[in-house]
Amino acid sequence: MDQTTLPVLERIAAALERLSPPAPSLAGLEQADAFIWHPGLGRLTPVAHVAHVEMGLLQGIDRQRQMLLDNTLHFAHGLPANNAMLWGARGMGKSSLVKAAHAQANLEGDRPAAPGKGRLVLVEIQREDLSTLPDLLALLRESPRRFIVFCDDLSFEREDADYKALKSVLDGGIAGRPHNVLFYATSNRRHLMPREMIENESSTAINTSEATEEKVSLSDRFGLWIGFHNCAQDTFMDMVRAYAKERSLPIGDADLVRRANAWSLSRGGRSGRVAFQFIEDLSAELSARP
């Protein structure tokens, strides 16, 4: 080989190596108990502080709260547990409940475990990264820690590659789901796909029941299926009172109720999210008073 071309080839090889994606790594897993999966970087980015609501402040979802908490604690202590789908009304605490259950499982007595020492690790994966879920699970399988992989606001507009990847992962394949990983997801849709898509598929299929079953089969693969419903007036006020008490806001109950009702009317609905937003606004207003 011409000695003048060797340095050029070496530079080209080095440039190509820099362009190739890094090998997935669990480096830094001992730093925290929550991470975000970045497939482009091939690593988990630690989250020092998870923005979560205290479990006791989640009002109006007592049954849902107990179901998910029991499942999470079972898994944290090495017992059998199910993948979980939280579906239903917007703003009713689905993602807040997942984060609160994770925090509860990592308590030591009444205090959070030291960073990196919790029983459970929460790993958030974005909807658009679901095709890399098999790579993530293969990586987590190597760790002695226990993981909840969490996808917020999960839905599909069509049966795309991400749909098939998730379906395969939940089935487990021949390797089976890693014993140290659960998958939690939230969605506003009961079956993860638009109703009209399911209906259109049924109307054009030769066997309509088989077509419908195929479209809803993904949600059936979640062992725990927890529904969240629209908020009643008394439940909404329980939420508002709980937040106001937690912040020790200097306001009478009658005034609190009147202003919360006015706020919910201006927003066109009631939910835990609306209650929290009202309290945020009210806290700022009361703090600004001389």
Protein backbone atom coordinates (compact mmCIF):
# COMPACT_ATOMS: atom_id res chain seq x y z
CA MET A 1 0.00 0.00 0.00
CA ASP A 2 1.20 3.50 -0.81
CA GLN A 3 2.49 5.03 2.43
CA THR A 4 0.91 8.37 1.52
CA THR A 5 -2.60 6.89 1.48
CA LEU A 6 -2.35 5.13 4.86
CA PRO A 7 -2.82 8.30 6.99
CA VAL A 8 -5.80 9.26 4.82
CA LEU A 9 -7.44 5.87 5.35
CA GLU A 10 -6.82 6.07 9.07
CA ARG A 11 -8.49 9.47 9.25
CA ILE A 12 -11.48 8.18 7.27
CA ALA A 13 -11.79 5.15 9.59
CA ALA A 14 -11.62 7.39 12.67
CA ALA A 15 -14.29 9.72 11.24
CA LEU A 16 -16.62 6.78 10.51
CA GLU A 17 -16.10 5.46 14.04
CA ARG A 18 -17.09 8.83 15.48
CA LEU A 19 -20.26 8.85 13.36
CA SER A 20 -21.36 5.37 14.46
CA PRO A 21 -23.70 5.25 17.47
CA PRO A 22 -22.04 4.36 20.78
CA ALA A 23 -22.53 0.93 22.25
CA PRO A 24 -25.36 0.93 24.83
CA SER A 25 -24.07 1.28 28.38
CA LEU A 26 -25.34 1.15 31.95
CA ALA A 27 -22.60 3.51 33.13
CA GLY A 28 -23.78 5.75 35.96
CA LEU A 29 -26.59 3.48 37.09
CA GLU A 30 -25.51 3.87 40.70
CA GLN A 31 -25.97 7.66 40.58
CA ALA A 32 -29.77 7.87 40.76
CA ASP A 33 -33.08 6.00 40.94
CA ALA A 34 -34.64 7.58 37.84
CA PHE A 35 -33.35 7.90 34.28
CA ILE A 36 -34.38 8.91 30.77
CA TRP A 37 -33.48 6.54 27.94
CA HIS A 38 -31.63 8.25 25.07
CA PRO A 39 -31.16 5.62 22.34
CA GLY A 40 -29.15 8.00 20.16
CA LEU A 41 -26.58 8.29 22.92
CA GLY A 42 -26.87 4.64 23.90
CA ARG A 43 -27.24 5.45 27.57
CA LEU A 44 -29.50 6.38 30.46
CA THR A 45 -29.41 9.99 31.62
CA PRO A 46 -29.91 10.31 35.39
CA VAL A 47 -32.74 12.42 36.81
CA ALA A 48 -31.67 13.77 40.19
CA HIS A 49 -35.17 14.73 41.31
CA VAL A 50 -38.41 13.23 39.95
CA ALA A 51 -41.22 15.80 39.93
CA HIS A 52 -43.89 13.82 41.74
CA VAL A 53 -46.97 14.48 43.85
CA GLU A 54 -47.17 12.89 47.29
CA MET A 55 -49.33 9.78 47.27
CA GLY A 56 -51.72 11.19 49.89
CA LEU A 57 -52.55 14.19 47.69
CA LEU A 58 -53.96 12.03 44.90
CA GLN A 59 -57.68 12.21 45.69
CA GLY A 60 -60.61 10.43 44.07
CA ILE A 61 -58.59 7.46 42.79
CA ASP A 62 -58.37 5.32 45.93
CA ARG A 63 -58.99 1.99 44.18
CA GLN A 64 -56.61 2.78 41.32
CA ARG A 65 -53.96 4.00 43.75
CA GLN A 66 -54.09 0.83 45.83
CA MET A 67 -53.98 -1.46 42.80
CA LEU A 68 -50.88 0.15 41.31
CA LEU A 69 -49.14 0.60 44.65
CA ASP A 70 -49.65 -3.05 45.59
CA ASN A 71 -48.32 -4.19 42.21
CA THR A 72 -45.30 -1.88 42.49
CA LEU A 73 -44.45 -2.92 46.03
CA HIS A 74 -44.73 -6.60 45.12
CA PHE A 75 -42.25 -6.07 42.31
CA ALA A 76 -39.92 -4.00 44.52
CA HIS A 77 -39.74 -6.90 46.99
CA GLY A 78 -39.05 -9.53 44.35
CA LEU A 79 -42.60 -10.92 44.13
CA PRO A 80 -44.54 -11.60 40.89
CA ALA A 81 -46.08 -8.46 39.36
CA ASN A 82 -47.80 -7.34 36.15
CA ASN A 83 -47.16 -4.81 33.42
CA ALA A 84 -49.67 -2.00 33.94
CA MET A 85 -51.74 0.19 31.64
CA LEU A 86 -53.35 3.30 33.17
CA TRP A 87 -55.97 4.64 30.77
CA GLY A 88 -58.82 7.14 30.82
CA ALA A 89 -59.73 10.75 31.48
CA ARG A 90 -57.12 13.46 31.03
CA GLY A 91 -55.61 15.12 34.08
CA MET A 92 -56.82 12.54 36.60
CA GLY A 93 -53.40 11.54 37.91
CA LYS A 94 -52.28 8.62 35.75
CA SER A 95 -48.65 9.63 35.32
CA SER A 96 -48.60 11.24 38.79
CA LEU A 97 -49.64 7.90 40.28
CA VAL A 98 -46.82 6.03 38.53
CA LYS A 99 -44.22 8.48 39.86
CA ALA A 100 -45.79 8.49 43.34
CA ALA A 101 -45.77 4.67 43.48
CA HIS A 102 -42.10 4.66 42.48
CA ALA A 103 -41.30 7.15 45.26
CA GLN A 104 -43.31 5.13 47.78
CA ALA A 105 -41.48 1.91 46.89
CA ASN A 106 -38.13 3.63 47.50
CA LEU A 107 -38.92 4.85 51.01
CA GLU A 108 -36.78 3.58 53.86
CA GLY A 109 -39.04 4.09 56.83
CA ASP A 110 -40.49 7.51 56.14
CA ARG A 111 -37.48 8.88 54.24
CA PRO A 112 -36.39 8.45 50.60
CA ALA A 113 -33.51 6.09 50.01
CA ALA A 114 -30.12 7.60 49.20
CA PRO A 115 -29.64 8.28 45.46
CA GLY A 116 -28.84 5.07 43.64
CA LYS A 117 -29.89 2.91 46.60
CA GLY A 118 -33.64 2.62 45.98
CA ARG A 119 -35.33 -0.71 45.42
CA LEU A 120 -36.74 0.42 42.07
CA VAL A 121 -35.35 2.39 39.15
CA LEU A 122 -37.79 4.39 37.01
CA VAL A 123 -36.75 4.62 33.35
CA GLU A 124 -38.75 6.91 31.06
CA ILE A 125 -38.91 6.08 27.36
CA GLN A 126 -40.44 8.43 24.80
CA ARG A 127 -43.22 7.22 22.53
CA GLU A 128 -41.09 7.80 19.43
CA ASP A 129 -38.30 5.61 20.86
CA LEU A 130 -40.40 2.49 21.39
CA SER A 131 -38.71 0.74 18.47
CA THR A 132 -35.54 0.69 20.63
CA LEU A 133 -37.33 -0.94 23.56
CA PRO A 134 -35.83 -4.41 22.85
CA ASP A 135 -32.36 -2.84 23.00
CA LEU A 136 -33.18 -1.16 26.31
CA LEU A 137 -34.53 -4.36 27.84
CA ALA A 138 -31.49 -6.33 26.70
CA LEU A 139 -29.34 -3.74 28.47
CA LEU A 140 -31.40 -3.74 31.68
CA ARG A 141 -31.40 -7.54 31.79
CA GLU A 142 -27.69 -7.36 32.67
CA SER A 143 -28.25 -5.28 35.82
CA PRO A 144 -28.97 -6.60 39.35
CA ARG A 145 -31.35 -3.66 39.95
CA ARG A 146 -35.11 -3.73 39.32
CA PHE A 147 -36.67 -1.39 36.75
CA ILE A 148 -40.01 0.10 35.80
CA VAL A 149 -39.88 1.28 32.18
CA PHE A 150 -42.46 4.04 31.84
CA CYS A 151 -44.02 5.48 28.67
CA ASP A 152 -46.37 8.41 29.21
CA ASP A 153 -49.29 9.22 26.87
CA LEU A 154 -48.94 6.07 24.80
CA SER A 155 -51.08 5.77 21.67
CA PHE A 156 -50.80 4.72 18.03
CA GLU A 157 -52.28 6.19 14.88
CA ARG A 158 -51.63 2.99 12.95
CA GLU A 159 -50.17 -0.46 13.52
CA ASP A 160 -46.60 0.66 12.88
CA ALA A 161 -43.21 -0.79 13.79
CA ASP A 162 -43.42 0.68 17.30
CA TYR A 163 -46.74 -1.07 17.87
CA LYS A 164 -45.24 -4.41 16.84
CA ALA A 165 -42.09 -3.83 18.91
CA LEU A 166 -44.10 -3.16 22.07
CA LYS A 167 -46.39 -6.10 21.40
CA SER A 168 -43.39 -8.40 21.01
CA VAL A 169 -41.78 -7.10 24.20
CA LEU A 170 -44.93 -7.58 26.26
CA ASP A 171 -45.23 -11.12 24.92
CA GLY A 172 -41.65 -11.72 25.99
CA GLY A 173 -40.49 -13.67 22.95
CA ILE A 174 -38.43 -16.82 23.39
CA ALA A 175 -36.15 -15.08 25.90
CA GLY A 176 -39.09 -13.95 28.04
CA ARG A 177 -39.47 -10.57 29.69
CA PRO A 178 -36.50 -9.79 31.92
CA HIS A 179 -37.38 -10.79 35.47
CA ASN A 180 -36.12 -7.41 36.72
CA VAL A 181 -38.24 -5.21 34.40
CA LEU A 182 -41.89 -4.11 34.35
CA PHE A 183 -43.51 -1.87 31.74
CA TYR A 184 -45.96 0.85 32.86
CA ALA A 185 -47.79 3.09 30.39
CA THR A 186 -50.50 5.75 30.45
CA SER A 187 -52.95 6.55 27.69
CA ASN A 188 -56.13 8.54 27.15
CA ARG A 189 -57.32 5.72 24.86
CA ARG A 190 -58.60 2.47 26.24
CA HIS A 191 -57.21 0.35 23.40
CA LEU A 192 -54.30 2.64 22.43
CA MET A 193 -55.73 3.31 18.97
CA PRO A 194 -58.44 5.70 17.73
CA ARG A 195 -61.93 4.20 17.84
CA GLU A 196 -62.51 5.04 14.16
CA MET A 197 -59.41 3.08 13.19
CA ILE A 198 -60.69 -0.04 14.93
CA GLU A 199 -64.16 0.42 13.40
CA ASN A 200 -62.78 0.99 9.89
CA GLU A 201 -60.65 -2.13 10.14
CA SER A 202 -63.67 -4.15 11.25
CA SER A 203 -65.86 -2.88 8.40
CA THR A 204 -63.35 -3.86 5.67
CA ALA A 205 -62.14 -7.17 7.09
CA ILE A 206 -63.37 -10.58 5.96
CA ASN A 207 -63.63 -11.69 9.58
CA THR A 208 -64.59 -8.57 11.54
CA SER A 209 -64.18 -10.12 14.99
CA GLU A 210 -60.63 -11.24 14.22
CA ALA A 211 -59.72 -7.77 12.93
CA THR A 212 -61.06 -6.07 16.05
CA GLU A 213 -59.34 -8.56 18.34
CA GLU A 214 -56.02 -7.89 16.60
CA LYS A 215 -56.36 -4.14 17.15
CA VAL A 216 -57.15 -4.44 20.85
CA SER A 217 -54.76 -7.30 21.55
CA LEU A 218 -51.92 -4.99 22.60
CA SER A 219 -53.85 -3.60 25.58
CA ASP A 220 -54.77 -7.16 26.58
CA ARG A 221 -51.08 -7.88 27.10
CA PHE A 222 -51.01 -5.62 30.15
CA GLY A 223 -51.82 -7.78 33.15
CA LEU A 224 -53.03 -4.77 35.15
CA TRP A 225 -55.54 -2.52 33.38
CA ILE A 226 -56.58 0.47 35.47
CA GLY A 227 -59.28 2.94 34.35
CA PHE A 228 -59.53 6.61 35.34
CA HIS A 229 -62.82 8.45 34.95
CA ASN A 230 -64.09 12.01 34.85
CA CYS A 231 -64.02 13.99 38.06
CA ALA A 232 -67.20 14.64 40.11
CA GLN A 233 -67.71 17.98 41.87
CA ASP A 234 -67.14 16.65 45.40
CA THR A 235 -63.99 14.80 44.30
CA PHE A 236 -62.66 17.96 42.68
CA MET A 237 -63.17 19.88 45.90
CA ASP A 238 -61.42 17.11 47.88
CA MET A 239 -58.44 17.60 45.57
CA VAL A 240 -58.47 21.37 46.03
CA ARG A 241 -58.76 21.12 49.82
CA ALA A 242 -55.92 18.58 50.00
CA TYR A 243 -53.57 20.85 48.03
CA ALA A 244 -54.62 23.93 50.03
CA LYS A 245 -54.03 22.12 53.32
CA GLU A 246 -50.65 20.80 52.20
CA ARG A 247 -49.55 24.37 51.42
CA SER A 248 -51.23 25.88 54.51
CA LEU A 249 -52.96 28.52 52.39
CA PRO A 250 -54.61 31.30 54.45
CA ILE A 251 -58.12 31.09 52.97
CA GLY A 252 -61.51 30.08 54.35
CA ASP A 253 -63.30 27.01 53.01
CA ALA A 254 -66.26 28.92 51.57
CA ASP A 255 -63.98 31.28 49.66
CA LEU A 256 -61.82 28.37 48.51
CA VAL A 257 -64.85 26.49 47.17
CA ARG A 258 -66.25 29.55 45.41
CA ARG A 259 -62.98 30.38 43.71
CA ALA A 260 -62.22 26.77 42.76
CA ASN A 261 -65.64 26.43 41.12
CA ALA A 262 -65.10 29.63 39.17
CA TRP A 263 -61.69 28.40 38.05
CA SER A 264 -63.04 25.02 36.88
CA LEU A 265 -65.82 26.76 34.92
CA SER A 266 -63.27 28.96 33.19
CA ARG A 267 -61.30 25.82 32.23
CA GLY A 268 -64.37 23.97 31.02
CA GLY A 269 -63.90 20.93 33.25
CA ARG A 270 -62.70 19.41 36.51
CA SER A 271 -59.69 17.16 37.05
CA GLY A 272 -56.70 16.73 39.30
CA ARG A 273 -54.63 18.77 36.86
CA VAL A 274 -57.13 21.64 36.96
CA ALA A 275 -57.16 21.52 40.77
CA PHE A 276 -53.36 21.72 40.88
CA GLN A 277 -53.27 24.61 38.41
CA PHE A 278 -55.85 26.48 40.48
CA ILE A 279 -53.78 26.00 43.64
CA GLU A 280 -50.64 27.19 41.85
CA ASP A 281 -52.41 30.40 40.82
CA LEU A 282 -54.01 30.88 44.25
CA SER A 283 -50.69 30.28 46.05
CA ALA A 284 -48.99 32.96 43.97
CA GLU A 285 -51.83 35.41 44.55
CA LEU A 286 -51.92 34.90 48.32
CA SER A 287 -48.13 35.11 48.56
CA ALA A 288 -48.14 38.42 46.71
CA ARG A 289 -50.51 40.05 49.17
CA PRO A 290 -48.89 42.55 51.58
